[in-house]
Amino acid sequence: MKPLQIEENLKKYTCTASCPVRNVISRFSGKWSMLVLCVLAENEATRFNAIGKAIPDISPKVLSDTLKNLEADGLISRKLYAEIPPRVEYSLTDLGRSLMPLLNQLISWAVQNFNHIPPR
């Protein structure tokens, strides 16, 4: 590849307003967001405590923040039931479901290459 071609290819990452990595992928690419999306993909509607049990090393505050962010991004929905005590369930939206085949491919790659990546 020619230097000018490489420079042109890299430009798409320099504009912060239009960079897809910064503005879209970064919203769900964090460790917790991807794990929460995976838990919700495996279960229809899931309560907060069930998500926390599935991901035991996430703190309640971080889980709450992650769920709020994923909801704000339109990847999950939150349904509040008017019960005492109140019951809240989370599930993937259509947009979130459309993301899962791509995440599943990434997960497959990670499983296949797990032993080739040095631990941190």
C-alpha atoms as a PDB file:
ATOM      1  CA  MET A   1       0.000   0.000   0.000  1.00  0.00           C
ATOM      2  CA  LYS A   2       1.312   3.439  -0.914  1.00  0.00           C
ATOM      3  CA  PRO A   3       1.937   6.025   1.847  1.00  0.00           C
ATOM      4  CA  LEU A   4      -0.716   8.358   0.402  1.00  0.00           C
ATOM      5  CA  GLN A   5      -3.255   5.527   0.393  1.00  0.00           C
ATOM      6  CA  ILE A   6      -2.456   4.684   4.016  1.00  0.00           C
ATOM      7  CA  GLU A   7      -2.836   8.332   4.991  1.00  0.00           C
ATOM      8  CA  GLU A   8      -6.239   8.508   3.264  1.00  0.00           C
ATOM      9  CA  ASN A   9      -7.396   5.317   5.008  1.00  0.00           C
ATOM     10  CA  LEU A  10      -6.422   6.690   8.413  1.00  0.00           C
ATOM     11  CA  LYS A  11      -8.307   9.984   7.923  1.00  0.00           C
ATOM     12  CA  LYS A  12     -11.637   8.353   8.739  1.00  0.00           C
ATOM     13  CA  TYR A  13     -10.428   7.956  12.334  1.00  0.00           C
ATOM     14  CA  THR A  14      -9.150  11.508  12.789  1.00  0.00           C
ATOM     15  CA  CYS A  15     -12.469  13.326  12.495  1.00  0.00           C
ATOM     16  CA  THR A  16     -13.996  12.893  15.938  1.00  0.00           C
ATOM     17  CA  ALA A  17     -17.504  13.814  14.775  1.00  0.00           C
ATOM     18  CA  SER A  18     -17.720  11.174  12.052  1.00  0.00           C
ATOM     19  CA  CYS A  19     -15.498   8.366  13.345  1.00  0.00           C
ATOM     20  CA  PRO A  20     -17.622   5.197  13.653  1.00  0.00           C
ATOM     21  CA  VAL A  21     -15.262   3.657  16.206  1.00  0.00           C
ATOM     22  CA  ARG A  22     -15.468   6.652  18.542  1.00  0.00           C
ATOM     23  CA  ASN A  23     -19.154   7.339  18.072  1.00  0.00           C
ATOM     24  CA  VAL A  24     -20.792   3.941  17.677  1.00  0.00           C
ATOM     25  CA  ILE A  25     -18.581   0.955  18.416  1.00  0.00           C
ATOM     26  CA  SER A  26     -17.127   2.447  21.599  1.00  0.00           C
ATOM     27  CA  ARG A  27     -20.620   2.517  23.144  1.00  0.00           C
ATOM     28  CA  PHE A  28     -20.895  -1.256  23.364  1.00  0.00           C
ATOM     29  CA  SER A  29     -17.296  -2.403  23.071  1.00  0.00           C
ATOM     30  CA  GLY A  30     -16.415  -2.103  26.750  1.00  0.00           C
ATOM     31  CA  LYS A  31     -16.092  -5.232  28.828  1.00  0.00           C
ATOM     32  CA  TRP A  32     -19.294  -4.712  30.793  1.00  0.00           C
ATOM     33  CA  SER A  33     -21.531  -3.578  27.934  1.00  0.00           C
ATOM     34  CA  MET A  34     -20.695  -6.585  25.802  1.00  0.00           C
ATOM     35  CA  LEU A  35     -21.239  -8.974  28.690  1.00  0.00           C
ATOM     36  CA  VAL A  36     -24.598  -7.379  29.575  1.00  0.00           C
ATOM     37  CA  LEU A  37     -25.698  -7.598  25.939  1.00  0.00           C
ATOM     38  CA  CYS A  38     -24.700 -11.283  25.879  1.00  0.00           C
ATOM     39  CA  VAL A  39     -26.665 -12.022  29.064  1.00  0.00           C
ATOM     40  CA  LEU A  40     -29.735 -10.264  27.662  1.00  0.00           C
ATOM     41  CA  ALA A  41     -29.382 -12.079  24.326  1.00  0.00           C
ATOM     42  CA  GLU A  42     -29.513 -15.435  26.111  1.00  0.00           C
ATOM     43  CA  ASN A  43     -32.580 -14.524  28.170  1.00  0.00           C
ATOM     44  CA  GLU A  44     -35.749 -12.760  27.048  1.00  0.00           C
ATOM     45  CA  ALA A  45     -36.492 -10.284  29.843  1.00  0.00           C
ATOM     46  CA  THR A  46     -33.962 -10.196  32.657  1.00  0.00           C
ATOM     47  CA  ARG A  47     -34.054  -8.518  36.043  1.00  0.00           C
ATOM     48  CA  PHE A  48     -31.234  -6.410  37.437  1.00  0.00           C
ATOM     49  CA  ASN A  49     -30.224  -8.953  40.098  1.00  0.00           C
ATOM     50  CA  ALA A  50     -30.164 -11.797  37.564  1.00  0.00           C
ATOM     51  CA  ILE A  51     -27.793  -9.807  35.345  1.00  0.00           C
ATOM     52  CA  GLY A  52     -25.631  -9.109  38.393  1.00  0.00           C
ATOM     53  CA  LYS A  53     -25.541 -12.815  39.278  1.00  0.00           C
ATOM     54  CA  ALA A  54     -24.564 -13.710  35.717  1.00  0.00           C
ATOM     55  CA  ILE A  55     -21.699 -11.190  35.891  1.00  0.00           C
ATOM     56  CA  PRO A  56     -20.615 -11.461  39.540  1.00  0.00           C
ATOM     57  CA  ASP A  57     -17.582  -9.175  39.285  1.00  0.00           C
ATOM     58  CA  ILE A  58     -19.572  -6.112  38.189  1.00  0.00           C
ATOM     59  CA  SER A  59     -20.576  -3.700  40.952  1.00  0.00           C
ATOM     60  CA  PRO A  60     -24.242  -2.659  41.225  1.00  0.00           C
ATOM     61  CA  LYS A  61     -23.316   0.947  40.392  1.00  0.00           C
ATOM     62  CA  VAL A  62     -21.373   0.000  37.274  1.00  0.00           C
ATOM     63  CA  LEU A  63     -24.172  -2.362  36.205  1.00  0.00           C
ATOM     64  CA  SER A  64     -26.738   0.390  36.710  1.00  0.00           C
ATOM     65  CA  ASP A  65     -24.651   2.874  34.712  1.00  0.00           C
ATOM     66  CA  THR A  66     -24.048   0.322  31.959  1.00  0.00           C
ATOM     67  CA  LEU A  67     -27.763  -0.443  31.678  1.00  0.00           C
ATOM     68  CA  LYS A  68     -28.620   3.267  31.536  1.00  0.00           C
ATOM     69  CA  ASN A  69     -26.064   3.848  28.784  1.00  0.00           C
ATOM     70  CA  LEU A  70     -27.215   0.868  26.726  1.00  0.00           C
ATOM     71  CA  GLU A  71     -30.809   2.040  27.089  1.00  0.00           C
ATOM     72  CA  ALA A  72     -29.894   5.608  26.069  1.00  0.00           C
ATOM     73  CA  ASP A  73     -28.127   4.185  23.009  1.00  0.00           C
ATOM     74  CA  GLY A  74     -31.259   2.235  22.044  1.00  0.00           C
ATOM     75  CA  LEU A  75     -29.685  -1.210  22.424  1.00  0.00           C
ATOM     76  CA  ILE A  76     -31.807  -2.351  25.379  1.00  0.00           C
ATOM     77  CA  SER A  77     -35.201  -1.486  26.800  1.00  0.00           C
ATOM     78  CA  ARG A  78     -36.268  -1.166  30.419  1.00  0.00           C
ATOM     79  CA  LYS A  79     -39.750  -2.157  31.522  1.00  0.00           C
ATOM     80  CA  LEU A  80     -41.011  -1.108  34.946  1.00  0.00           C
ATOM     81  CA  TYR A  81     -43.919  -3.057  36.437  1.00  0.00           C
ATOM     82  CA  ALA A  82     -46.169  -1.198  38.861  1.00  0.00           C
ATOM     83  CA  GLU A  83     -45.871  -3.734  41.661  1.00  0.00           C
ATOM     84  CA  ILE A  84     -44.778  -3.583  45.260  1.00  0.00           C
ATOM     85  CA  PRO A  85     -41.857  -3.912  45.354  1.00  0.00           C
ATOM     86  CA  PRO A  86     -41.374  -2.540  41.845  1.00  0.00           C
ATOM     87  CA  ARG A  87     -40.086  -5.014  39.276  1.00  0.00           C
ATOM     88  CA  VAL A  88     -37.819  -3.910  36.427  1.00  0.00           C
ATOM     89  CA  GLU A  89     -36.844  -6.071  33.483  1.00  0.00           C
ATOM     90  CA  TYR A  90     -34.335  -5.409  30.726  1.00  0.00           C
ATOM     91  CA  SER A  91     -34.319  -6.831  27.221  1.00  0.00           C
ATOM     92  CA  LEU A  92     -32.679  -6.247  23.872  1.00  0.00           C
ATOM     93  CA  THR A  93     -34.342  -3.899  21.413  1.00  0.00           C
ATOM     94  CA  ASP A  94     -34.490  -4.708  17.702  1.00  0.00           C
ATOM     95  CA  LEU A  95     -31.322  -2.646  17.297  1.00  0.00           C
ATOM     96  CA  GLY A  96     -29.629  -4.628  20.072  1.00  0.00           C
ATOM     97  CA  ARG A  97     -30.734  -7.931  18.538  1.00  0.00           C
ATOM     98  CA  SER A  98     -29.341  -6.826  15.164  1.00  0.00           C
ATOM     99  CA  LEU A  99     -25.942  -6.321  16.817  1.00  0.00           C
ATOM    100  CA  MET A 100     -25.756  -9.784  18.372  1.00  0.00           C
ATOM    101  CA  PRO A 101     -24.772 -11.810  15.269  1.00  0.00           C
ATOM    102  CA  LEU A 102     -21.744  -9.541  14.903  1.00  0.00           C
ATOM    103  CA  LEU A 103     -20.868  -9.806  18.597  1.00  0.00           C
ATOM    104  CA  ASN A 104     -21.299 -13.578  18.376  1.00  0.00           C
ATOM    105  CA  GLN A 105     -18.735 -13.653  15.553  1.00  0.00           C
ATOM    106  CA  LEU A 106     -16.334 -11.627  17.693  1.00  0.00           C
ATOM    107  CA  ILE A 107     -16.958 -13.972  20.633  1.00  0.00           C
ATOM    108  CA  SER A 108     -16.262 -16.993  18.417  1.00  0.00           C
ATOM    109  CA  TRP A 109     -12.996 -15.415  17.316  1.00  0.00           C
ATOM    110  CA  ALA A 110     -12.103 -14.724  20.961  1.00  0.00           C
ATOM    111  CA  VAL A 111     -12.818 -18.334  21.956  1.00  0.00           C
ATOM    112  CA  GLN A 112     -10.740 -19.688  19.064  1.00  0.00           C
ATOM    113  CA  ASN A 113      -7.815 -17.386  19.815  1.00  0.00           C
ATOM    114  CA  PHE A 114      -7.991 -17.191  23.602  1.00  0.00           C
ATOM    115  CA  ASN A 115      -4.858 -19.291  24.099  1.00  0.00           C
ATOM    116  CA  HIS A 116      -2.885 -17.229  21.556  1.00  0.00           C
ATOM    117  CA  ILE A 117      -3.397 -13.865  23.269  1.00  0.00           C
ATOM    118  CA  PRO A 118      -1.105 -13.325  26.282  1.00  0.00           C
ATOM    119  CA  PRO A 119      -2.898 -12.605  29.562  1.00  0.00           C
ATOM    120  CA  ARG A 120      -2.610  -9.190  31.181  1.00  0.00           C
END
